[in-house]
Protein backbone atom coordinates (compact mmCIF):
# COMPACT_ATOMS: atom_id res chain seq x y z
CA MET A 1 112.54 48.35 85.04
CA ILE A 2 108.95 48.13 84.73
CA ASP A 3 106.83 45.65 87.00
CA LEU A 4 106.72 42.52 85.05
CA LYS A 5 104.05 40.91 87.22
CA ALA A 6 101.77 43.91 86.77
CA ALA A 7 102.45 43.79 82.97
CA ARG A 8 101.31 40.25 82.90
CA GLN A 9 98.08 41.14 84.66
CA GLU A 10 97.31 44.29 82.70
CA PRO A 11 98.98 43.94 79.27
CA ASP A 12 96.54 46.16 77.56
CA ARG A 13 97.32 49.14 79.85
CA TYR A 14 101.00 48.65 79.72
CA ARG A 15 101.07 48.28 75.84
CA ALA A 16 98.98 51.48 75.44
CA ALA A 17 101.35 53.49 77.74
CA LEU A 18 104.52 52.10 76.14
CA ALA A 19 103.20 52.68 72.69
CA ARG A 20 103.33 56.45 73.28
CA ARG A 21 107.12 55.94 73.61
CA GLY A 22 107.29 53.60 70.56
CA ALA A 23 107.84 50.59 72.70
CA GLY A 24 104.54 48.75 72.40
CA ALA A 25 106.10 46.00 70.22
CA ASP A 26 108.98 45.55 72.75
CA LEU A 27 106.41 44.77 75.41
CA ASP A 28 104.85 42.15 73.19
CA ALA A 29 108.19 40.57 72.63
CA LEU A 30 108.82 40.62 76.50
CA LEU A 31 105.54 38.99 77.30
CA ALA A 32 106.18 36.37 74.76
CA ALA A 33 109.59 35.64 76.11
CA ASP A 34 108.17 35.57 79.62
CA ALA A 35 105.51 33.09 78.56
CA ARG A 36 108.28 30.80 77.26
CA TRP A 37 110.22 31.04 80.38
CA ARG A 38 107.26 30.18 82.61
CA GLU A 39 106.53 27.24 80.28
CA HIS A 40 110.03 25.95 80.51
CA THR A 41 110.04 26.60 84.20
CA GLU A 42 106.90 24.50 84.74
CA ARG A 43 108.27 21.71 82.68
CA ALA A 44 111.61 21.68 84.62
CA GLU A 45 109.68 21.72 87.96
CA SER A 46 107.55 18.82 86.77
CA LEU A 47 110.50 16.82 85.77
CA ARG A 48 112.30 17.48 89.11
CA ALA A 49 109.19 16.39 90.98
CA GLN A 50 108.99 13.17 88.83
CA GLN A 51 112.66 12.56 89.36
CA LYS A 52 112.34 12.83 93.08
CA ARG A 53 109.40 10.35 93.20
CA SER A 54 111.27 7.82 90.91
CA SER A 55 114.45 7.91 93.03
CA LYS A 56 112.73 6.70 96.22
CA GLY A 57 113.65 3.24 97.19
CA LYS A 58 116.30 0.95 95.64
CA PRO A 59 115.93 1.29 91.75
CA GLY A 60 116.17 -1.66 89.54
CA PRO A 61 117.53 -1.62 85.94
CA ASP A 62 114.45 -0.42 84.44
CA GLU A 63 114.06 2.39 87.10
CA LEU A 64 117.76 3.48 86.59
CA ALA A 65 117.07 3.72 82.81
CA GLU A 66 114.08 5.80 83.59
CA LEU A 67 116.06 8.05 85.92
CA ARG A 68 118.82 8.60 83.36
CA GLY A 69 116.08 9.57 80.81
CA LEU A 70 114.63 12.12 83.32
CA ALA A 71 117.97 13.57 84.08
CA ALA A 72 118.60 14.19 80.33
CA GLU A 73 115.18 15.67 79.97
CA LEU A 74 115.68 17.87 83.00
CA THR A 75 119.08 19.11 81.68
CA ALA A 76 117.47 20.15 78.31
CA ALA A 77 114.51 21.70 80.17
CA ALA A 78 116.93 23.64 82.35
CA GLU A 79 118.90 24.98 79.43
CA ASP A 80 115.71 25.97 77.67
CA GLN A 81 114.62 27.73 80.93
CA ALA A 82 118.02 29.60 81.20
CA GLN A 83 117.88 30.72 77.60
CA ALA A 84 114.35 31.92 77.90
CA ALA A 85 115.15 33.81 81.12
CA ALA A 86 118.22 35.61 79.52
CA GLU A 87 116.13 36.59 76.57
CA ARG A 88 113.33 37.82 78.88
CA ASP A 89 115.90 39.72 81.09
CA GLU A 90 117.56 41.40 78.11
CA LEU A 91 114.23 42.70 76.73
CA LEU A 92 113.30 43.86 80.26
CA ALA A 93 116.43 45.85 80.61
CA ARG A 94 115.71 47.73 77.45
CA ILE A 95 112.03 48.60 77.89
CA PRO A 96 111.63 52.24 79.22
CA ASN A 97 109.48 53.37 82.14
CA LEU A 98 105.81 53.91 81.65
CA PRO A 99 105.21 57.56 80.80
CA ASP A 100 103.09 59.71 83.13
CA PRO A 101 99.63 60.46 81.63
CA SER A 102 100.51 64.20 81.92
CA ALA A 103 103.79 63.86 80.08
CA ALA A 104 103.62 65.48 76.66
CA ASP A 105 102.87 63.43 73.53
CA GLY A 106 105.39 63.19 70.71
CA MET A 107 108.67 61.57 69.84
CA ASP A 108 111.34 64.33 69.67
CA GLU A 109 112.54 67.60 71.13
CA ALA A 110 110.12 69.68 69.10
CA ASP A 111 107.19 68.14 70.61
CA ALA A 112 107.83 69.47 74.12
CA GLU A 113 104.97 71.55 75.61
CA LEU A 114 105.44 75.02 77.01
CA VAL A 115 104.46 75.12 80.67
CA ARG A 116 105.31 78.87 81.42
CA THR A 117 107.84 81.62 80.96
CA TRP A 118 109.61 83.94 83.44
CA GLY A 119 111.35 87.20 82.86
CA GLU A 120 111.92 89.30 79.77
CA PRO A 121 114.83 88.71 77.45
CA PRO A 122 117.08 91.77 77.49
CA ALA A 123 116.89 94.33 74.62
CA PHE A 124 120.41 95.34 73.47
CA ASP A 125 121.31 98.24 71.30
CA PHE A 126 124.52 96.36 70.26
CA GLU A 127 125.14 92.91 68.96
CA PRO A 128 125.55 90.63 71.99
CA ARG A 129 128.59 88.44 72.15
CA ASP A 130 128.67 84.77 73.17
CA HIS A 131 130.87 83.34 75.95
CA LEU A 132 133.77 82.70 73.58
CA ASP A 133 133.94 86.31 72.42
CA LEU A 134 133.74 87.86 75.88
CA GLY A 135 136.87 88.51 77.90
CA SER A 136 140.55 89.32 76.91
CA PRO A 137 141.90 88.33 73.41
CA THR A 138 142.26 84.72 74.55
CA GLY A 139 138.85 84.74 76.24
CA TRP A 140 137.67 83.79 79.64
CA VAL A 141 136.74 80.24 78.20
CA ASP A 142 139.62 78.85 76.24
CA MET A 143 138.63 76.03 74.05
CA ALA A 144 141.72 75.99 71.87
CA ARG A 145 144.08 75.33 74.87
CA GLY A 146 141.64 72.67 76.16
CA ALA A 147 141.71 70.98 72.82
CA ARG A 148 145.46 71.08 72.66
CA LEU A 149 145.56 69.39 76.06
CA SER A 150 142.69 66.95 75.87
CA GLY A 151 141.14 66.99 72.36
CA SER A 152 137.96 68.79 71.22
CA ARG A 153 135.14 69.73 73.60
CA PHE A 154 137.26 70.28 76.67
CA ALA A 155 137.69 73.81 78.13
CA TYR A 156 139.86 75.96 80.41
CA ARG A 157 137.81 78.55 82.41
CA MET A 158 140.04 81.40 83.47
CA GLY A 159 140.22 84.03 86.08
CA ASP A 160 137.09 85.74 87.28
CA VAL A 161 134.95 83.24 85.28
CA ALA A 162 136.43 80.32 87.17
CA LEU A 163 135.59 82.16 90.40
CA ALA A 164 132.11 82.94 89.24
CA GLU A 165 131.52 79.36 88.33
CA MET A 166 132.65 77.93 91.67
CA ALA A 167 130.43 80.61 93.36
CA LEU A 168 127.51 79.38 91.25
CA TYR A 169 127.89 75.73 92.58
CA ARG A 170 128.52 77.01 96.23
CA PHE A 171 125.41 79.26 96.17
CA VAL A 172 123.27 76.32 94.83
CA LEU A 173 124.52 73.82 97.39
CA ASP A 174 123.98 76.33 100.19
CA ARG A 175 120.37 77.12 99.12
CA LEU A 176 119.50 73.45 98.66
CA ALA A 177 121.04 72.39 101.98
CA GLY A 178 118.82 74.97 103.60
CA LYS A 179 115.87 73.22 101.96
CA GLY A 180 116.66 69.89 103.66
CA PHE A 181 118.91 68.34 101.10
CA LEU A 182 122.03 66.55 102.55
CA PRO A 183 125.17 67.69 100.86
CA VAL A 184 127.30 64.88 99.40
CA LEU A 185 130.63 64.62 97.62
CA PRO A 186 130.27 61.08 96.02
CA PRO A 187 132.57 58.88 93.85
CA ILE A 188 132.58 59.43 90.22
CA LEU A 189 133.89 56.03 89.30
CA VAL A 190 131.32 53.35 89.64
CA GLY A 191 130.68 49.75 88.73
CA GLU A 192 128.48 48.35 86.11
CA ARG A 193 125.70 47.52 88.46
CA ALA A 194 125.17 51.28 89.35
CA MET A 195 125.05 52.19 85.65
CA TYR A 196 122.60 49.53 84.92
CA GLY A 197 120.55 50.30 87.93
CA THR A 198 120.02 54.04 86.93
CA GLY A 199 119.19 53.10 83.49
CA PHE A 200 122.36 54.42 81.75
CA LEU A 201 123.08 50.78 80.67
CA PRO A 202 122.34 49.19 78.22
CA THR A 203 120.45 52.06 76.45
CA GLU A 204 123.33 54.91 76.77
CA GLU A 205 126.45 52.86 76.49
CA SER A 206 127.86 54.82 73.60
CA ASN A 207 127.92 57.98 75.65
CA LEU A 208 129.93 56.48 78.58
CA TYR A 209 133.59 56.56 79.36
CA ARG A 210 134.69 53.08 80.65
CA LEU A 211 137.96 52.14 82.28
CA GLU A 212 138.37 48.71 80.93
CA LYS A 213 141.37 47.82 83.13
CA ASP A 214 139.40 48.56 86.28
CA ASP A 215 136.02 47.66 85.00
CA LEU A 216 134.69 50.90 86.19
CA TYR A 217 132.68 53.77 84.48
CA LEU A 218 133.10 57.53 84.77
CA THR A 219 129.70 58.90 85.69
CA GLY A 220 127.87 61.47 83.46
CA THR A 221 125.97 62.79 86.46
CA SER A 222 125.99 62.41 90.18
CA GLU A 223 122.48 60.97 89.84
CA VAL A 224 124.31 57.46 89.59
CA ALA A 225 126.17 57.79 92.82
CA LEU A 226 123.17 59.25 94.71
CA ALA A 227 120.91 56.37 93.50
CA GLY A 228 123.50 53.88 94.64
CA ILE A 229 123.57 55.25 98.22
CA HIS A 230 120.71 52.94 99.13
CA MET A 231 121.38 49.99 96.69
CA ASP A 232 120.07 46.74 98.16
CA GLU A 233 118.87 48.43 101.28
CA ARG A 234 115.63 48.18 103.15
CA LEU A 235 114.52 51.66 104.47
CA GLU A 236 112.06 52.30 107.24
CA GLU A 237 109.02 54.36 106.12
CA GLU A 238 109.96 57.09 108.61
CA GLN A 239 113.40 57.56 106.74
CA LEU A 240 111.42 58.86 103.74
CA PRO A 241 111.62 61.24 102.05
CA ALA A 242 115.50 61.03 101.85
CA ARG A 243 116.95 64.07 99.85
CA TYR A 244 120.44 64.52 98.76
CA VAL A 245 122.40 67.03 96.81
CA ALA A 246 125.72 66.42 95.22
CA PHE A 247 128.50 68.10 93.45
CA THR A 248 130.59 66.15 90.89
CA THR A 249 132.78 66.51 87.86
CA ASN A 250 131.07 64.55 85.03
CA PHE A 251 131.99 62.86 81.81
CA ARG A 252 130.05 62.21 78.56
CA ARG A 253 131.18 61.21 75.16
CA GLU A 254 128.25 63.10 73.50
CA ALA A 255 128.34 60.36 70.81
CA GLY A 256 124.93 61.26 69.43
CA ALA A 257 125.75 64.97 69.19
CA ALA A 258 127.96 64.94 66.15
CA GLY A 259 127.97 68.48 64.57
CA LYS A 260 125.81 69.74 67.37
CA ASP A 261 127.09 72.59 69.64
CA THR A 262 130.60 72.10 68.46
CA LYS A 263 131.51 75.68 69.27
CA GLY A 264 132.06 76.67 72.91
CA MET A 265 131.42 74.81 76.08
CA PHE A 266 127.71 74.41 75.90
CA ARG A 267 128.08 70.58 75.19
CA VAL A 268 131.51 69.44 76.38
CA HIS A 269 133.01 66.05 77.48
CA GLN A 270 133.85 67.14 80.98
CA PHE A 271 131.63 69.43 83.14
CA ASP A 272 130.74 70.12 86.73
CA LYS A 273 127.22 69.86 88.19
CA VAL A 274 125.09 70.10 91.28
CA GLU A 275 122.46 67.54 91.40
CA MET A 276 119.40 66.86 93.61
CA TYR A 277 118.17 63.29 94.27
CA VAL A 278 115.04 62.24 96.22
CA TYR A 279 113.82 58.85 97.59
CA CYS A 280 110.08 58.85 98.68
CA ARG A 281 106.95 57.00 99.04
CA PRO A 282 105.19 56.12 95.69
CA GLU A 283 102.15 58.36 96.35
CA GLU A 284 104.48 61.28 96.94
CA SER A 285 106.72 61.27 93.79
CA ALA A 286 104.34 63.38 91.69
CA GLY A 287 104.34 66.10 94.30
CA PHE A 288 108.17 65.98 94.74
CA HIS A 289 108.59 66.39 90.91
CA GLU A 290 106.72 69.66 91.17
CA GLN A 291 108.71 70.63 94.06
CA LEU A 292 112.10 69.87 92.45
CA LEU A 293 110.96 72.10 89.58
CA ALA A 294 110.06 74.86 92.08
CA HIS A 295 113.41 74.70 93.61
CA GLU A 296 115.10 74.84 90.09
CA GLU A 297 112.90 77.83 89.10
CA GLU A 298 113.77 79.58 92.49
CA LEU A 299 117.46 79.21 91.66
CA VAL A 300 117.23 80.53 88.07
CA GLN A 301 115.06 83.44 89.31
CA ALA A 302 117.67 84.34 92.01
CA LEU A 303 120.12 84.57 89.09
CA GLY A 304 117.80 86.89 87.27
CA LEU A 305 117.83 84.65 84.07
CA PRO A 306 114.92 84.76 81.66
CA TYR A 307 113.62 81.22 81.13
CA ARG A 308 110.81 79.00 80.05
CA VAL A 309 109.73 75.61 81.56
CA MET A 310 109.06 72.79 79.05
CA ASN A 311 107.14 69.47 79.61
CA ILE A 312 109.29 67.10 77.65
CA ALA A 313 107.63 64.85 75.07
CA VAL A 314 107.50 61.07 75.95
CA GLY A 315 109.65 60.00 72.98
CA ASP A 316 112.41 62.41 74.05
CA LEU A 317 112.66 61.08 77.69
CA GLY A 318 115.51 58.93 78.91
CA ALA A 319 114.50 55.29 79.55
CA PRO A 320 114.18 55.74 83.39
CA ALA A 321 111.90 58.81 83.29
CA ALA A 322 108.00 58.91 83.54
CA LYS A 323 107.91 62.64 83.16
CA LYS A 324 110.59 65.32 82.72
CA TYR A 325 110.66 69.12 82.89
CA ASP A 326 113.43 71.26 81.39
CA ILE A 327 114.19 74.86 82.25
CA GLU A 328 115.48 76.58 79.20
CA ALA A 329 117.30 79.98 79.78
CA TRP A 330 117.45 82.76 77.15
CA PHE A 331 120.76 83.13 75.27
CA PRO A 332 120.84 86.39 73.50
CA ALA A 333 123.76 85.66 71.27
CA GLN A 334 122.05 82.42 70.00
CA ARG A 335 118.59 84.26 70.05
CA ARG A 336 116.95 81.31 71.51
CA TYR A 337 116.10 79.36 74.73
CA ARG A 338 118.49 76.52 75.69
CA GLU A 339 118.26 73.99 78.47
CA ILE A 340 120.15 74.61 81.59
CA THR A 341 118.43 72.38 84.12
CA SER A 342 116.08 69.23 84.07
CA CYS A 343 114.21 67.28 86.58
CA SER A 344 112.68 63.80 86.26
CA ASN A 345 110.34 61.41 88.07
CA THR A 346 111.60 57.91 87.52
CA THR A 347 108.93 56.41 89.71
CA ASP A 348 109.99 52.78 90.84
CA TYR A 349 112.09 52.17 87.67
CA GLN A 350 115.55 52.72 89.24
CA ALA A 351 114.52 51.35 92.64
CA ARG A 352 113.58 48.00 91.00
CA ARG A 353 116.87 47.71 89.31
CA LEU A 354 118.79 48.74 92.31
CA ASN A 355 116.58 46.85 94.85
CA VAL A 356 115.76 49.70 97.05
CA ARG A 357 112.61 49.06 99.26
CA PHE A 358 110.94 50.48 102.29
CA ARG A 359 108.86 48.84 105.05
CA ARG A 360 105.25 49.89 105.40
CA GLY A 361 102.50 48.00 107.37
CA GLY A 362 104.67 44.86 107.66
CA LYS A 363 105.17 44.77 103.80
CA LEU A 364 108.11 45.82 101.58
CA ASP A 365 107.49 48.10 98.66
CA PHE A 366 109.87 49.88 96.14
CA VAL A 367 110.61 53.50 96.71
CA HIS A 368 110.13 56.05 94.04
CA THR A 369 113.17 58.23 93.00
CA LEU A 370 113.47 61.60 91.46
CA ASN A 371 116.40 63.67 90.25
CA GLY A 372 116.98 67.32 89.31
CA THR A 373 119.73 69.62 88.22
CA GLY A 374 120.82 72.26 90.65
CA ALA A 375 123.30 73.96 88.40
CA THR A 376 125.99 73.45 85.59
CA ALA A 377 128.18 75.94 83.70
CA ARG A 378 125.39 76.55 81.27
CA ALA A 379 123.78 78.78 83.73
CA LEU A 380 127.01 80.87 83.94
CA LEU A 381 127.15 80.95 80.06
CA SER A 382 123.61 82.50 80.18
CA ILE A 383 124.71 85.02 82.76
CA MET A 384 127.58 86.06 80.57
CA GLU A 385 125.31 86.63 77.54
CA ASN A 386 122.30 88.21 79.31
CA PHE A 387 124.27 90.76 81.55
CA GLN A 388 126.94 92.05 79.20
CA ASP A 389 127.28 95.65 78.15
CA GLU A 390 128.62 97.15 74.85
CA HIS A 391 132.21 97.03 76.26
CA GLY A 392 132.06 93.22 77.01
CA THR A 393 131.85 93.65 80.83
CA VAL A 394 129.45 91.21 82.51
CA THR A 395 127.55 92.18 85.69
CA VAL A 396 127.60 89.20 88.07
CA PRO A 397 124.23 88.36 89.89
CA GLU A 398 124.39 89.65 93.46
CA VAL A 399 123.59 86.28 94.95
CA LEU A 400 126.91 84.98 93.64
CA ARG A 401 129.13 87.83 95.18
CA GLN A 402 128.93 86.52 98.75
CA TYR A 403 130.40 83.16 97.37
CA GLY A 404 133.63 84.66 95.94
CA ALA A 405 132.39 85.84 92.57
CA PRO A 406 133.47 89.36 91.51
CA ALA A 407 130.85 92.01 90.97
CA THR A 408 131.76 92.16 87.32
CA LEU A 409 133.71 90.03 84.78
CA GLY A 410 136.15 92.36 83.09
CA THR A 411 139.20 91.77 81.06
CA ARG A 412 141.49 89.35 82.96
CA PRO A 413 145.29 89.87 83.16
CA PRO A 414 147.17 88.19 80.28
CA ALA A 415 148.33 84.66 81.18
CA ALA A 416 151.99 83.77 81.52
CA GLY A 417 153.75 83.59 78.24
CA GLN A 418 151.59 86.30 76.74
CA SER A 419 152.85 89.79 75.78
């Protein structure tokens, strides 16, 4: 959440920053609710002080009547205070982070700014196939059987493709562990506090899977579990930066993606992911954001994928992010760049909600947090499209072969039950 005390002191700066995200009016509503809460708080405190003074000594009939009147007034004032606090807190929970001045202006995906490109898209003398058309007649990626088992937007990955995908995650984990990230296998079921703390509640509730019987949520990214590692903790300054990298299976309803990427496994309800997460001092977060982007670029370059880096427009940021970069790889069959990784600087937004602080100079301050994608299966889909030949054979990047991937993805043996 934003710093409400600072917003009171610098309302014009906060209003101007949030207006870039279309949330300037929300700030005004928050400050009005906060002013009402402070007014009711002062009134309640004044009544308590008056009640305390009047209750000294042995009260007579007149004093008893006065005390009863004060008690009634205090009850009403306390109710008004609680109502104003609830309204203020609800508004505070929904207001997004202040955008970084260097984040791109604009309100949607089309307003993202190109930062740079790397590599050249391949030139084929045949029509490239997408990931569903590659492989044996039933394909390496079987959406039909996934749908029969679980419903639409679930996938089986078969044979060599399954091995290549697992090699991708192992390669990324190994490379990032070598850069000082601590590998983690975290829970994927979490309580409401963790979802709220990372900013996925209340703004993204429609995209979440919730187990009502257990009052737990299936996470859509290991960012949630990694942010929760130090929830309600007080870190020492020398513990920072703290860097983690996790592998998890993730779940998203994709409620806002009706009719979008319905073919194939580019946008599915269940997917695996390697995720980076950093806790750092406030003055270091901008530098770590560039560092996370550099790690992501190094990984995509090692895979040999042509890509571009985009500075995401402020209106297209998730609520916790102050700035976000996407890496978009080239997909020849689609003839366009598509997002395969992202990295965000969430400054102190998540730390305030999760109450994560560090000690410095005898004082406590909120840490800054950042997150970044190591890899998802989208990278493998881009590999399949970019490195195919006219026969449908895919050459696997050499860096994945030492982790169990085959040198090529060819036609797999028929599954049981096939002729």
